[in-house]
PDB file of all heavy atoms in Angstrom:
ATOM      1  N   SER A   1     -35.686   3.550 -54.324  1.00  0.00           N
ATOM      2  CA  SER A   1     -35.735   4.341 -55.562  1.00  0.00           C
ATOM      3  C   SER A   1     -37.057   4.153 -56.298  1.00  0.00           C
ATOM      4  O   SER A   1     -37.534   5.058 -56.973  1.00  0.00           O
ATOM      5  CB  SER A   1     -34.567   3.950 -56.470  1.00  0.00           C
ATOM      6  OG  SER A   1     -34.664   2.580 -56.830  1.00  0.00           O
ATOM      7  N   TYR A   2     -37.694   3.000 -56.145  1.00  0.00           N
ATOM      8  CA  TYR A   2     -38.950   2.729 -56.829  1.00  0.00           C
ATOM      9  C   TYR A   2     -40.160   3.303 -56.081  1.00  0.00           C
ATOM     10  O   TYR A   2     -41.114   3.787 -56.689  1.00  0.00           O
ATOM     11  CB  TYR A   2     -39.157   1.211 -56.993  1.00  0.00           C
ATOM     12  CG  TYR A   2     -38.322   0.593 -58.084  1.00  0.00           C
ATOM     13  CD1 TYR A   2     -37.255  -0.242 -57.774  1.00  0.00           C
ATOM     14  CD2 TYR A   2     -38.601   0.835 -59.427  1.00  0.00           C
ATOM     15  CE1 TYR A   2     -36.482  -0.823 -58.773  1.00  0.00           C
ATOM     16  CE2 TYR A   2     -37.830   0.267 -60.435  1.00  0.00           C
ATOM     17  CZ  TYR A   2     -36.777  -0.563 -60.100  1.00  0.00           C
ATOM     18  OH  TYR A   2     -36.012  -1.121 -61.092  1.00  0.00           O
ATOM     19  N   PHE A   3     -40.129   3.212 -54.765  1.00  0.00           N
ATOM     20  CA  PHE A   3     -41.339   3.485 -53.993  1.00  0.00           C
ATOM     21  C   PHE A   3     -41.276   4.739 -53.118  1.00  0.00           C
ATOM     22  O   PHE A   3     -42.221   5.010 -52.385  1.00  0.00           O
ATOM     23  CB  PHE A   3     -41.646   2.276 -53.090  1.00  0.00           C
ATOM     24  CG  PHE A   3     -41.817   1.004 -53.857  1.00  0.00           C
ATOM     25  CD1 PHE A   3     -40.982  -0.073 -53.623  1.00  0.00           C
ATOM     26  CD2 PHE A   3     -42.801   0.886 -54.827  1.00  0.00           C
ATOM     27  CE1 PHE A   3     -41.124  -1.263 -54.337  1.00  0.00           C
ATOM     28  CE2 PHE A   3     -42.962  -0.303 -55.531  1.00  0.00           C
ATOM     29  CZ  PHE A   3     -42.119  -1.373 -55.291  1.00  0.00           C
ATOM     30  N   ARG A   4     -40.182   5.486 -53.183  1.00  0.00           N
ATOM     31  CA  ARG A   4     -40.062   6.635 -52.292  1.00  0.00           C
ATOM     32  C   ARG A   4     -41.216   7.621 -52.484  1.00  0.00           C
ATOM     33  O   ARG A   4     -41.852   8.065 -51.525  1.00  0.00           O
ATOM     34  CB  ARG A   4     -38.721   7.344 -52.501  1.00  0.00           C
ATOM     35  CG  ARG A   4     -38.530   8.534 -51.541  1.00  0.00           C
ATOM     36  CD  ARG A   4     -37.158   9.180 -51.691  1.00  0.00           C
ATOM     37  NE  ARG A   4     -36.119   8.338 -51.132  1.00  0.00           N
ATOM     38  CZ  ARG A   4     -35.196   7.712 -51.845  1.00  0.00           C
ATOM     39  NH1 ARG A   4     -35.197   7.833 -53.175  1.00  0.00           N
ATOM     40  NH2 ARG A   4     -34.285   6.970 -51.266  1.00  0.00           N
ATOM     41  N   ALA A   5     -41.514   7.982 -53.728  1.00  0.00           N
ATOM     42  CA  ALA A   5     -42.573   8.969 -53.984  1.00  0.00           C
ATOM     43  C   ALA A   5     -43.923   8.438 -53.510  1.00  0.00           C
ATOM     44  O   ALA A   5     -44.688   9.156 -52.849  1.00  0.00           O
ATOM     45  CB  ALA A   5     -42.627   9.305 -55.472  1.00  0.00           C
ATOM     46  N   ASP A   6     -44.244   7.206 -53.849  1.00  0.00           N
ATOM     47  CA  ASP A   6     -45.520   6.624 -53.421  1.00  0.00           C
ATOM     48  C   ASP A   6     -45.599   6.527 -51.907  1.00  0.00           C
ATOM     49  O   ASP A   6     -46.659   6.780 -51.311  1.00  0.00           O
ATOM     50  CB  ASP A   6     -45.690   5.229 -54.022  1.00  0.00           C
ATOM     51  CG  ASP A   6     -45.937   5.277 -55.526  1.00  0.00           C
ATOM     52  OD1 ASP A   6     -46.363   6.345 -56.012  1.00  0.00           O
ATOM     53  OD2 ASP A   6     -45.702   4.266 -56.201  1.00  0.00           O
ATOM     54  N   ALA A   7     -44.485   6.165 -51.267  1.00  0.00           N
ATOM     55  CA  ALA A   7     -44.480   6.036 -49.810  1.00  0.00           C
ATOM     56  C   ALA A   7     -44.764   7.379 -49.146  1.00  0.00           C
ATOM     57  O   ALA A   7     -45.537   7.456 -48.166  1.00  0.00           O
ATOM     58  CB  ALA A   7     -43.131   5.489 -49.338  1.00  0.00           C
ATOM     59  N   GLU A   8     -44.166   8.429 -49.657  1.00  0.00           N
ATOM     60  CA  GLU A   8     -44.405   9.760 -49.089  1.00  0.00           C
ATOM     61  C   GLU A   8     -45.864  10.172 -49.252  1.00  0.00           C
ATOM     62  O   GLU A   8     -46.479  10.749 -48.348  1.00  0.00           O
ATOM     63  CB  GLU A   8     -43.484  10.780 -49.749  1.00  0.00           C
ATOM     64  CG  GLU A   8     -42.009  10.619 -49.368  1.00  0.00           C
ATOM     65  CD  GLU A   8     -41.119  11.629 -50.066  1.00  0.00           C
ATOM     66  OE1 GLU A   8     -41.654  12.440 -50.868  1.00  0.00           O
ATOM     67  OE2 GLU A   8     -39.894  11.591 -49.823  1.00  0.00           O
ATOM     68  N   THR A   9     -46.443   9.874 -50.422  1.00  0.00           N
ATOM     69  CA  THR A   9     -47.852  10.217 -50.668  1.00  0.00           C
ATOM     70  C   THR A   9     -48.768   9.469 -49.703  1.00  0.00           C
ATOM     71  O   THR A   9     -49.678  10.059 -49.091  1.00  0.00           O
ATOM     72  CB  THR A   9     -48.219   9.864 -52.122  1.00  0.00           C
ATOM     73  OG1 THR A   9     -47.409  10.630 -53.010  1.00  0.00           O
ATOM     74  CG2 THR A   9     -49.688  10.190 -52.390  1.00  0.00           C
ATOM     75  N   ILE A  10     -48.545   8.171 -49.564  1.00  0.00           N
ATOM     76  CA  ILE A  10     -49.376   7.359 -48.657  1.00  0.00           C
ATOM     77  C   ILE A  10     -49.238   7.838 -47.220  1.00  0.00           C
ATOM     78  O   ILE A  10     -50.230   7.961 -46.478  1.00  0.00           O
ATOM     79  CB  ILE A  10     -48.976   5.872 -48.773  1.00  0.00           C
ATOM     80  CG1 ILE A  10     -49.332   5.339 -50.165  1.00  0.00           C
ATOM     81  CG2 ILE A  10     -49.637   5.026 -47.690  1.00  0.00           C
ATOM     82  CD1 ILE A  10     -48.779   3.957 -50.458  1.00  0.00           C
ATOM     83  N   TRP A  11     -48.010   8.139 -46.818  1.00  0.00           N
ATOM     84  CA  TRP A  11     -47.785   8.609 -45.442  1.00  0.00           C
ATOM     85  C   TRP A  11     -48.512   9.923 -45.197  1.00  0.00           C
ATOM     86  O   TRP A  11     -49.196  10.093 -44.180  1.00  0.00           O
ATOM     87  CB  TRP A  11     -46.288   8.769 -45.206  1.00  0.00           C
ATOM     88  CG  TRP A  11     -45.934   9.134 -43.792  1.00  0.00           C
ATOM     89  CD1 TRP A  11     -45.899  10.382 -43.251  1.00  0.00           C
ATOM     90  CD2 TRP A  11     -45.600   8.226 -42.725  1.00  0.00           C
ATOM     91  NE1 TRP A  11     -45.546  10.347 -41.933  1.00  0.00           N
ATOM     92  CE2 TRP A  11     -45.358   9.032 -41.575  1.00  0.00           C
ATOM     93  CE3 TRP A  11     -45.460   6.861 -42.630  1.00  0.00           C
ATOM     94  CZ2 TRP A  11     -45.009   8.479 -40.354  1.00  0.00           C
ATOM     95  CZ3 TRP A  11     -45.100   6.305 -41.426  1.00  0.00           C
ATOM     96  CH2 TRP A  11     -44.876   7.106 -40.295  1.00  0.00           C
ATOM     97  N   ASN A  12     -48.375  10.858 -46.126  1.00  0.00           N
ATOM     98  CA  ASN A  12     -48.992  12.184 -45.956  1.00  0.00           C
ATOM     99  C   ASN A  12     -50.517  12.097 -45.958  1.00  0.00           C
ATOM    100  O   ASN A  12     -51.190  12.782 -45.162  1.00  0.00           O
ATOM    101  CB  ASN A  12     -48.523  13.136 -47.062  1.00  0.00           C
ATOM    102  CG  ASN A  12     -47.042  13.474 -46.917  1.00  0.00           C
ATOM    103  OD1 ASN A  12     -46.491  13.433 -45.819  1.00  0.00           O
ATOM    104  ND2 ASN A  12     -46.399  13.809 -48.033  1.00  0.00           N
ATOM    105  N   GLU A  13     -51.076  11.251 -46.834  1.00  0.00           N
ATOM    106  CA  GLU A  13     -52.535  11.112 -46.878  1.00  0.00           C
ATOM    107  C   GLU A  13     -53.056  10.465 -45.598  1.00  0.00           C
ATOM    108  O   GLU A  13     -54.129  10.826 -45.110  1.00  0.00           O
ATOM    109  CB  GLU A  13     -52.934  10.294 -48.103  1.00  0.00           C
ATOM    110  CG  GLU A  13     -52.730  11.037 -49.420  1.00  0.00           C
ATOM    111  CD  GLU A  13     -53.156  10.215 -50.623  1.00  0.00           C
ATOM    112  OE1 GLU A  13     -53.553   9.037 -50.415  1.00  0.00           O
ATOM    113  OE2 GLU A  13     -53.099  10.732 -51.754  1.00  0.00           O
ATOM    114  N   THR A  14     -52.305   9.518 -45.066  1.00  0.00           N
ATOM    115  CA  THR A  14     -52.708   8.891 -43.793  1.00  0.00           C
ATOM    116  C   THR A  14     -52.617   9.889 -42.654  1.00  0.00           C
ATOM    117  O   THR A  14     -53.493   9.946 -41.774  1.00  0.00           O
ATOM    118  CB  THR A  14     -51.822   7.667 -43.500  1.00  0.00           C
ATOM    119  OG1 THR A  14     -51.853   6.783 -44.607  1.00  0.00           O
ATOM    120  CG2 THR A  14     -52.311   6.930 -42.253  1.00  0.00           C
ATOM    121  N   ALA A  15     -51.558  10.693 -42.651  1.00  0.00           N
ATOM    122  CA  ALA A  15     -51.393  11.705 -41.600  1.00  0.00           C
ATOM    123  C   ALA A  15     -52.547  12.699 -41.624  1.00  0.00           C
ATOM    124  O   ALA A  15     -53.003  13.178 -40.557  1.00  0.00           O
ATOM    125  CB  ALA A  15     -50.062  12.426 -41.789  1.00  0.00           C
ATOM    126  N   ALA A  16     -53.063  13.012 -42.821  1.00  0.00           N
ATOM    127  CA  ALA A  16     -54.178  13.976 -42.921  1.00  0.00           C
ATOM    128  C   ALA A  16     -55.455  13.431 -42.304  1.00  0.00           C
ATOM    129  O   ALA A  16     -56.354  14.198 -41.912  1.00  0.00           O
ATOM    130  CB  ALA A  16     -54.405  14.320 -44.393  1.00  0.00           C
ATOM    131  N   LEU A  17     -55.559  12.103 -42.195  1.00  0.00           N
ATOM    132  CA  LEU A  17     -56.755  11.482 -41.621  1.00  0.00           C
ATOM    133  C   LEU A  17     -56.684  11.321 -40.104  1.00  0.00           C
ATOM    134  O   LEU A  17     -57.666  10.892 -39.481  1.00  0.00           O
ATOM    135  CB  LEU A  17     -56.961  10.100 -42.259  1.00  0.00           C
ATOM    136  CG  LEU A  17     -57.241  10.078 -43.774  1.00  0.00           C
ATOM    137  CD1 LEU A  17     -57.251   8.635 -44.265  1.00  0.00           C
ATOM    138  CD2 LEU A  17     -58.578  10.750 -44.073  1.00  0.00           C
ATOM    139  N   LEU A  18     -55.533  11.637 -39.501  1.00  0.00           N
ATOM    140  CA  LEU A  18     -55.359  11.392 -38.063  1.00  0.00           C
ATOM    141  C   LEU A  18     -56.398  12.067 -37.176  1.00  0.00           C
ATOM    142  O   LEU A  18     -56.874  11.466 -36.201  1.00  0.00           O
ATOM    143  CB  LEU A  18     -53.945  11.792 -37.629  1.00  0.00           C
ATOM    144  CG  LEU A  18     -52.811  10.848 -38.076  1.00  0.00           C
ATOM    145  CD1 LEU A  18     -51.486  11.304 -37.490  1.00  0.00           C
ATOM    146  CD2 LEU A  18     -53.087   9.408 -37.656  1.00  0.00           C
ATOM    147  N   PRO A  19     -56.785  13.338 -37.442  1.00  0.00           N
ATOM    148  CA  PRO A  19     -57.797  13.951 -36.567  1.00  0.00           C
ATOM    149  C   PRO A  19     -59.087  13.134 -36.509  1.00  0.00           C
ATOM    150  O   PRO A  19     -59.676  12.954 -35.431  1.00  0.00           O
ATOM    151  CB  PRO A  19     -58.021  15.325 -37.211  1.00  0.00           C
ATOM    152  CG  PRO A  19     -56.722  15.629 -37.880  1.00  0.00           C
ATOM    153  CD  PRO A  19     -56.263  14.304 -38.416  1.00  0.00           C
ATOM    154  N   GLU A  20     -59.544  12.626 -37.655  1.00  0.00           N
ATOM    155  CA  GLU A  20     -60.768  11.821 -37.666  1.00  0.00           C
ATOM    156  C   GLU A  20     -60.560  10.506 -36.929  1.00  0.00           C
ATOM    157  O   GLU A  20     -61.441  10.026 -36.207  1.00  0.00           O
ATOM    158  CB  GLU A  20     -61.187  11.549 -39.112  1.00  0.00           C
ATOM    159  CG  GLU A  20     -61.579  12.793 -39.901  1.00  0.00           C
ATOM    160  CD  GLU A  20     -61.975  12.452 -41.325  1.00  0.00           C
ATOM    161  OE1 GLU A  20     -62.721  11.450 -41.501  1.00  0.00           O
ATOM    162  OE2 GLU A  20     -61.556  13.154 -42.260  1.00  0.00           O
ATOM    163  N   VAL A  21     -59.380   9.920 -37.131  1.00  0.00           N
ATOM    164  CA  VAL A  21     -59.089   8.638 -36.481  1.00  0.00           C
ATOM    165  C   VAL A  21     -59.026   8.795 -34.970  1.00  0.00           C
ATOM    166  O   VAL A  21     -59.563   7.986 -34.213  1.00  0.00           O
ATOM    167  CB  VAL A  21     -57.761   8.054 -37.014  1.00  0.00           C
ATOM    168  CG1 VAL A  21     -57.358   6.809 -36.226  1.00  0.00           C
ATOM    169  CG2 VAL A  21     -57.887   7.728 -38.492  1.00  0.00           C
ATOM    170  N   ARG A  22     -58.386   9.851 -34.491  1.00  0.00           N
ATOM    171  CA  ARG A  22     -58.240  10.056 -33.043  1.00  0.00           C
ATOM    172  C   ARG A  22     -59.577  10.309 -32.375  1.00  0.00           C
ATOM    173  O   ARG A  22     -59.728  10.090 -31.160  1.00  0.00           O
ATOM    174  CB  ARG A  22     -57.289  11.237 -32.777  1.00  0.00           C
ATOM    175  CG  ARG A  22     -55.844  10.962 -33.163  1.00  0.00           C
ATOM    176  CD  ARG A  22     -54.932  12.078 -32.673  1.00  0.00           C
ATOM    177  NE  ARG A  22     -53.556  11.931 -33.154  1.00  0.00           N
ATOM    178  CZ  ARG A  22     -52.676  11.088 -32.646  1.00  0.00           C
ATOM    179  NH1 ARG A  22     -53.028  10.291 -31.652  1.00  0.00           N
ATOM    180  NH2 ARG A  22     -51.446  11.031 -33.140  1.00  0.00           N
ATOM    181  N   ALA A  23     -60.561  10.758 -33.152  1.00  0.00           N
ATOM    182  CA  ALA A  23     -61.887  11.016 -32.577  1.00  0.00           C
ATOM    183  C   ALA A  23     -62.644   9.733 -32.285  1.00  0.00           C
ATOM    184  O   ALA A  23     -63.625   9.733 -31.534  1.00  0.00           O
ATOM    185  CB  ALA A  23     -62.698  11.893 -33.539  1.00  0.00           C
ATOM    186  N   LEU A  24     -62.178   8.622 -32.861  1.00  0.00           N
ATOM    187  CA  LEU A  24     -62.834   7.334 -32.629  1.00  0.00           C
ATOM    188  C   LEU A  24     -62.406   6.753 -31.285  1.00  0.00           C
ATOM    189  O   LEU A  24     -61.257   6.898 -30.875  1.00  0.00           O
ATOM    190  CB  LEU A  24     -62.469   6.363 -33.750  1.00  0.00           C
ATOM    191  CG  LEU A  24     -62.885   6.775 -35.168  1.00  0.00           C
ATOM    192  CD1 LEU A  24     -62.323   5.784 -36.194  1.00  0.00           C
ATOM    193  CD2 LEU A  24     -64.402   6.837 -35.285  1.00  0.00           C
ATOM    194  N   PRO A  25     -63.333   6.082 -30.584  1.00  0.00           N
ATOM    195  CA  PRO A  25     -63.002   5.521 -29.262  1.00  0.00           C
ATOM    196  C   PRO A  25     -62.306   4.160 -29.388  1.00  0.00           C
ATOM    197  O   PRO A  25     -62.962   3.128 -29.542  1.00  0.00           O
ATOM    198  CB  PRO A  25     -64.385   5.383 -28.595  1.00  0.00           C
ATOM    199  CG  PRO A  25     -65.330   5.159 -29.738  1.00  0.00           C
ATOM    200  CD  PRO A  25     -64.773   5.926 -30.907  1.00  0.00           C
ATOM    201  N   PHE A  26     -60.993   4.127 -29.345  1.00  0.00           N
ATOM    202  CA  PHE A  26     -60.271   2.855 -29.374  1.00  0.00           C
ATOM    203  C   PHE A  26     -58.962   3.022 -28.612  1.00  0.00           C
ATOM    204  O   PHE A  26     -58.438   4.131 -28.472  1.00  0.00           O
ATOM    205  CB  PHE A  26     -59.999   2.399 -30.815  1.00  0.00           C
ATOM    206  CG  PHE A  26     -59.044   3.277 -31.571  1.00  0.00           C
ATOM    207  CD1 PHE A  26     -57.681   3.015 -31.600  1.00  0.00           C
ATOM    208  CD2 PHE A  26     -59.520   4.406 -32.256  1.00  0.00           C
ATOM    209  CE1 PHE A  26     -56.815   3.836 -32.300  1.00  0.00           C
ATOM    210  CE2 PHE A  26     -58.652   5.225 -32.951  1.00  0.00           C
ATOM    211  CZ  PHE A  26     -57.293   4.946 -32.986  1.00  0.00           C
ATOM    212  N   LYS A  27     -58.470   1.920 -28.083  1.00  0.00           N
ATOM    213  CA  LYS A  27     -57.211   1.958 -27.355  1.00  0.00           C
ATOM    214  C   LYS A  27     -56.082   2.217 -28.338  1.00  0.00           C
ATOM    215  O   LYS A  27     -55.880   1.474 -29.290  1.00  0.00           O
ATOM    216  CB  LYS A  27     -56.969   0.624 -26.651  1.00  0.00           C
ATOM    217  CG  LYS A  27     -55.706   0.611 -25.802  1.00  0.00           C
ATOM    218  CD  LYS A  27     -55.524  -0.719 -25.091  1.00  0.00           C
ATOM    219  CE  LYS A  27     -54.252  -0.740 -24.259  1.00  0.00           C
ATOM    220  NZ  LYS A  27     -54.051  -2.033 -23.564  1.00  0.00           N
ATOM    221  N   GLY A  28     -55.348   3.298 -28.118  1.00  0.00           N
ATOM    222  CA  GLY A  28     -54.254   3.641 -29.002  1.00  0.00           C
ATOM    223  C   GLY A  28     -54.510   4.923 -29.773  1.00  0.00           C
ATOM    224  O   GLY A  28     -53.638   5.379 -30.516  1.00  0.00           O
ATOM    225  N   ASN A  29     -55.693   5.545 -29.575  1.00  0.00           N
ATOM    226  CA  ASN A  29     -55.954   6.791 -30.304  1.00  0.00           C
ATOM    227  C   ASN A  29     -55.111   7.959 -29.785  1.00  0.00           C
ATOM    228  O   ASN A  29     -55.116   9.038 -30.361  1.00  0.00           O
ATOM    229  CB  ASN A  29     -57.442   7.156 -30.284  1.00  0.00           C
ATOM    230  CG  ASN A  29     -57.959   7.373 -28.863  1.00  0.00           C
ATOM    231  OD1 ASN A  29     -57.194   7.309 -27.892  1.00  0.00           O
ATOM    232  ND2 ASN A  29     -59.260   7.607 -28.739  1.00  0.00           N
ATOM    233  N   ASP A  30     -54.379   7.708 -28.686  1.00  0.00           N
ATOM    234  CA  ASP A  30     -53.490   8.736 -28.164  1.00  0.00           C
ATOM    235  C   ASP A  30     -52.021   8.451 -28.506  1.00  0.00           C
ATOM    236  O   ASP A  30     -51.120   9.108 -27.974  1.00  0.00           O
ATOM    237  CB  ASP A  30     -53.649   8.840 -26.641  1.00  0.00           C
ATOM    238  CG  ASP A  30     -53.363   7.518 -25.934  1.00  0.00           C
ATOM    239  OD1 ASP A  30     -53.335   6.460 -26.624  1.00  0.00           O
ATOM    240  OD2 ASP A  30     -53.185   7.534 -24.702  1.00  0.00           O
ATOM    241  N   TYR A  31     -51.767   7.484 -29.378  1.00  0.00           N
ATOM    242  CA  TYR A  31     -50.397   7.222 -29.813  1.00  0.00           C
ATOM    243  C   TYR A  31     -49.815   8.455 -30.498  1.00  0.00           C
ATOM    244  O   TYR A  31     -50.549   9.288 -31.045  1.00  0.00           O
ATOM    245  CB  TYR A  31     -50.353   6.064 -30.818  1.00  0.00           C
ATOM    246  CG  TYR A  31     -50.563   4.678 -30.226  1.00  0.00           C
ATOM    247  CD1 TYR A  31     -50.741   3.569 -31.067  1.00  0.00           C
ATOM    248  CD2 TYR A  31     -50.566   4.455 -28.857  1.00  0.00           C
ATOM    249  CE1 TYR A  31     -50.934   2.295 -30.556  1.00  0.00           C
ATOM    250  CE2 TYR A  31     -50.762   3.182 -28.343  1.00  0.00           C
ATOM    251  CZ  TYR A  31     -50.943   2.105 -29.185  1.00  0.00           C
ATOM    252  OH  TYR A  31     -51.130   0.851 -28.662  1.00  0.00           O
ATOM    253  N   GLY A  32     -48.478   8.519 -30.523  1.00  0.00           N
ATOM    254  CA  GLY A  32     -47.818   9.562 -31.293  1.00  0.00           C
ATOM    255  C   GLY A  32     -48.116   9.388 -32.773  1.00  0.00           C
ATOM    256  O   GLY A  32     -48.499   8.299 -33.223  1.00  0.00           O
ATOM    257  N   ASP A  33     -47.930  10.442 -33.559  1.00  0.00           N
ATOM    258  CA  ASP A  33     -48.303  10.398 -34.968  1.00  0.00           C
ATOM    259  C   ASP A  33     -47.624   9.252 -35.712  1.00  0.00           C
ATOM    260  O   ASP A  33     -48.273   8.475 -36.434  1.00  0.00           O
ATOM    261  CB  ASP A  33     -47.944  11.730 -35.649  1.00  0.00           C
ATOM    262  CG  ASP A  33     -48.895  12.858 -35.250  1.00  0.00           C
ATOM    263  OD1 ASP A  33     -49.859  12.566 -34.500  1.00  0.00           O
ATOM    264  OD2 ASP A  33     -48.674  13.999 -35.678  1.00  0.00           O
ATOM    265  N   ALA A  34     -46.319   9.135 -35.566  1.00  0.00           N
ATOM    266  CA  ALA A  34     -45.580   8.120 -36.312  1.00  0.00           C
ATOM    267  C   ALA A  34     -46.041   6.710 -35.949  1.00  0.00           C
ATOM    268  O   ALA A  34     -46.237   5.858 -36.826  1.00  0.00           O
ATOM    269  CB  ALA A  34     -44.082   8.262 -36.057  1.00  0.00           C
ATOM    270  N   ARG A  35     -46.242   6.479 -34.647  1.00  0.00           N
ATOM    271  CA  ARG A  35     -46.659   5.153 -34.204  1.00  0.00           C
ATOM    272  C   ARG A  35     -48.062   4.828 -34.701  1.00  0.00           C
ATOM    273  O   ARG A  35     -48.320   3.701 -35.164  1.00  0.00           O
ATOM    274  CB  ARG A  35     -46.615   5.082 -32.675  1.00  0.00           C
ATOM    275  CG  ARG A  35     -46.961   3.697 -32.113  1.00  0.00           C
ATOM    276  CD  ARG A  35     -46.875   3.679 -30.608  1.00  0.00           C
ATOM    277  NE  ARG A  35     -47.189   2.356 -30.076  1.00  0.00           N
ATOM    278  CZ  ARG A  35     -47.309   2.078 -28.792  1.00  0.00           C
ATOM    279  NH1 ARG A  35     -47.125   3.041 -27.881  1.00  0.00           N
ATOM    280  NH2 ARG A  35     -47.608   0.855 -28.390  1.00  0.00           N
ATOM    281  N   LEU A  36     -48.980   5.813 -34.649  1.00  0.00           N
ATOM    282  CA  LEU A  36     -50.346   5.571 -35.074  1.00  0.00           C
ATOM    283  C   LEU A  36     -50.416   5.366 -36.591  1.00  0.00           C
ATOM    284  O   LEU A  36     -51.134   4.485 -37.079  1.00  0.00           O
ATOM    285  CB  LEU A  36     -51.243   6.743 -34.653  1.00  0.00           C
ATOM    286  CG  LEU A  36     -52.744   6.574 -34.923  1.00  0.00           C
ATOM    287  CD1 LEU A  36     -53.272   5.280 -34.327  1.00  0.00           C
ATOM    288  CD2 LEU A  36     -53.521   7.770 -34.359  1.00  0.00           C
ATOM    289  N   ILE A  37     -49.662   6.157 -37.349  1.00  0.00           N
ATOM    290  CA  ILE A  37     -49.660   5.992 -38.811  1.00  0.00           C
ATOM    291  C   ILE A  37     -49.120   4.611 -39.183  1.00  0.00           C
ATOM    292  O   ILE A  37     -49.677   3.927 -40.064  1.00  0.00           O
ATOM    293  CB  ILE A  37     -48.806   7.101 -39.471  1.00  0.00           C
ATOM    294  CG1 ILE A  37     -49.494   8.459 -39.318  1.00  0.00           C
ATOM    295  CG2 ILE A  37     -48.576   6.790 -40.941  1.00  0.00           C
ATOM    296  CD1 ILE A  37     -48.645   9.621 -39.773  1.00  0.00           C
ATOM    297  N   THR A  38     -48.045   4.206 -38.530  1.00  0.00           N
ATOM    298  CA  THR A  38     -47.469   2.884 -38.801  1.00  0.00           C
ATOM    299  C   THR A  38     -48.478   1.779 -38.517  1.00  0.00           C
ATOM    300  O   THR A  38     -48.625   0.833 -39.303  1.00  0.00           O
ATOM    301  CB  THR A  38     -46.202   2.663 -37.955  1.00  0.00           C
ATOM    302  OG1 THR A  38     -45.246   3.680 -38.262  1.00  0.00           O
ATOM    303  CG2 THR A  38     -45.596   1.289 -38.227  1.00  0.00           C
ATOM    304  N   ALA A  39     -49.199   1.888 -37.401  1.00  0.00           N
ATOM    305  CA  ALA A  39     -50.220   0.888 -37.052  1.00  0.00           C
ATOM    306  C   ALA A  39     -51.336   0.859 -38.085  1.00  0.00           C
ATOM    307  O   ALA A  39     -51.782  -0.222 -38.512  1.00  0.00           O
ATOM    308  CB  ALA A  39     -50.781   1.187 -35.668  1.00  0.00           C
ATOM    309  N   LEU A  40     -51.794   2.034 -38.514  1.00  0.00           N
ATOM    310  CA  LEU A  40     -52.874   2.097 -39.501  1.00  0.00           C
ATOM    311  C   LEU A  40     -52.451   1.477 -40.831  1.00  0.00           C
ATOM    312  O   LEU A  40     -53.214   0.744 -41.468  1.00  0.00           O
ATOM    313  CB  LEU A  40     -53.301   3.558 -39.709  1.00  0.00           C
ATOM    314  CG  LEU A  40     -54.010   4.226 -38.518  1.00  0.00           C
ATOM    315  CD1 LEU A  40     -54.200   5.715 -38.786  1.00  0.00           C
ATOM    316  CD2 LEU A  40     -55.358   3.556 -38.255  1.00  0.00           C
ATOM    317  N   LEU A  41     -51.238   1.791 -41.265  1.00  0.00           N
ATOM    318  CA  LEU A  41     -50.761   1.250 -42.536  1.00  0.00           C
ATOM    319  C   LEU A  41     -50.546  -0.259 -42.452  1.00  0.00           C
ATOM    320  O   LEU A  41     -50.773  -0.984 -43.436  1.00  0.00           O
ATOM    321  CB  LEU A  41     -49.459   1.942 -42.942  1.00  0.00           C
ATOM    322  CG  LEU A  41     -49.593   3.426 -43.315  1.00  0.00           C
ATOM    323  CD1 LEU A  41     -48.229   4.028 -43.615  1.00  0.00           C
ATOM    324  CD2 LEU A  41     -50.515   3.589 -44.516  1.00  0.00           C
ATOM    325  N   THR A  42     -50.122  -0.742 -41.299  1.00  0.00           N
ATOM    326  CA  THR A  42     -49.962  -2.192 -41.111  1.00  0.00           C
ATOM    327  C   THR A  42     -51.307  -2.896 -41.215  1.00  0.00           C
ATOM    328  O   THR A  42     -51.445  -3.927 -41.889  1.00  0.00           O
ATOM    329  CB  THR A  42     -49.315  -2.484 -39.751  1.00  0.00           C
ATOM    330  OG1 THR A  42     -48.029  -1.879 -39.691  1.00  0.00           O
ATOM    331  CG2 THR A  42     -49.157  -3.991 -39.542  1.00  0.00           C
ATOM    332  N   ILE A  43     -52.319  -2.335 -40.544  1.00  0.00           N
ATOM    333  CA  ILE A  43     -53.671  -2.917 -40.603  1.00  0.00           C
ATOM    334  C   ILE A  43     -54.200  -2.886 -42.032  1.00  0.00           C
ATOM    335  O   ILE A  43     -54.786  -3.859 -42.526  1.00  0.00           O
ATOM    336  CB  ILE A  43     -54.618  -2.149 -39.654  1.00  0.00           C
ATOM    337  CG1 ILE A  43     -54.184  -2.370 -38.196  1.00  0.00           C
ATOM    338  CG2 ILE A  43     -56.064  -2.594 -39.864  1.00  0.00           C
ATOM    339  CD1 ILE A  43     -54.904  -1.478 -37.203  1.00  0.00           C
ATOM    340  N   ALA A  44     -53.995  -1.762 -42.718  1.00  0.00           N
ATOM    341  CA  ALA A  44     -54.454  -1.642 -44.099  1.00  0.00           C
ATOM    342  C   ALA A  44     -53.773  -2.676 -44.997  1.00  0.00           C
ATOM    343  O   ALA A  44     -54.405  -3.297 -45.856  1.00  0.00           O
ATOM    344  CB  ALA A  44     -54.187  -0.231 -44.608  1.00  0.00           C
ATOM    345  N   SER A  45     -52.484  -2.873 -44.785  1.00  0.00           N
ATOM    346  CA  SER A  45     -51.741  -3.835 -45.585  1.00  0.00           C
ATOM    347  C   SER A  45     -52.248  -5.251 -45.360  1.00  0.00           C
ATOM    348  O   SER A  45     -52.442  -6.012 -46.323  1.00  0.00           O
ATOM    349  CB  SER A  45     -50.248  -3.749 -45.240  1.00  0.00           C
ATOM    350  OG  SER A  45     -49.520  -4.735 -45.915  1.00  0.00           O
ATOM    351  N   ARG A  46     -52.489  -5.609 -44.109  1.00  0.00           N
ATOM    352  CA  ARG A  46     -52.977  -6.949 -43.793  1.00  0.00           C
ATOM    353  C   ARG A  46     -54.359  -7.187 -44.381  1.00  0.00           C
ATOM    354  O   ARG A  46     -54.653  -8.242 -44.938  1.00  0.00           O
ATOM    355  CB  ARG A  46     -52.993  -7.169 -42.289  1.00  0.00           C
ATOM    356  CG  ARG A  46     -51.613  -7.231 -41.661  1.00  0.00           C
ATOM    357  CD  ARG A  46     -51.686  -7.402 -40.165  1.00  0.00           C
ATOM    358  NE  ARG A  46     -52.278  -8.683 -39.793  1.00  0.00           N
ATOM    359  CZ  ARG A  46     -52.497  -9.060 -38.537  1.00  0.00           C
ATOM    360  NH1 ARG A  46     -52.191  -8.245 -37.542  1.00  0.00           N
ATOM    361  NH2 ARG A  46     -53.031 -10.222 -38.261  1.00  0.00           N
TER     362      ARG A  46
END
């Protein structure tokens, strides 16, 4: 109830960056959208 709106915003903004991210040469740039977004947000959090 506290973070639903913020979570949706963060998810959508990260999803909008996927084309640029996939253009980078790294293992995992071919992951599915959900898996890649989750990985990016985990790295950002750490």
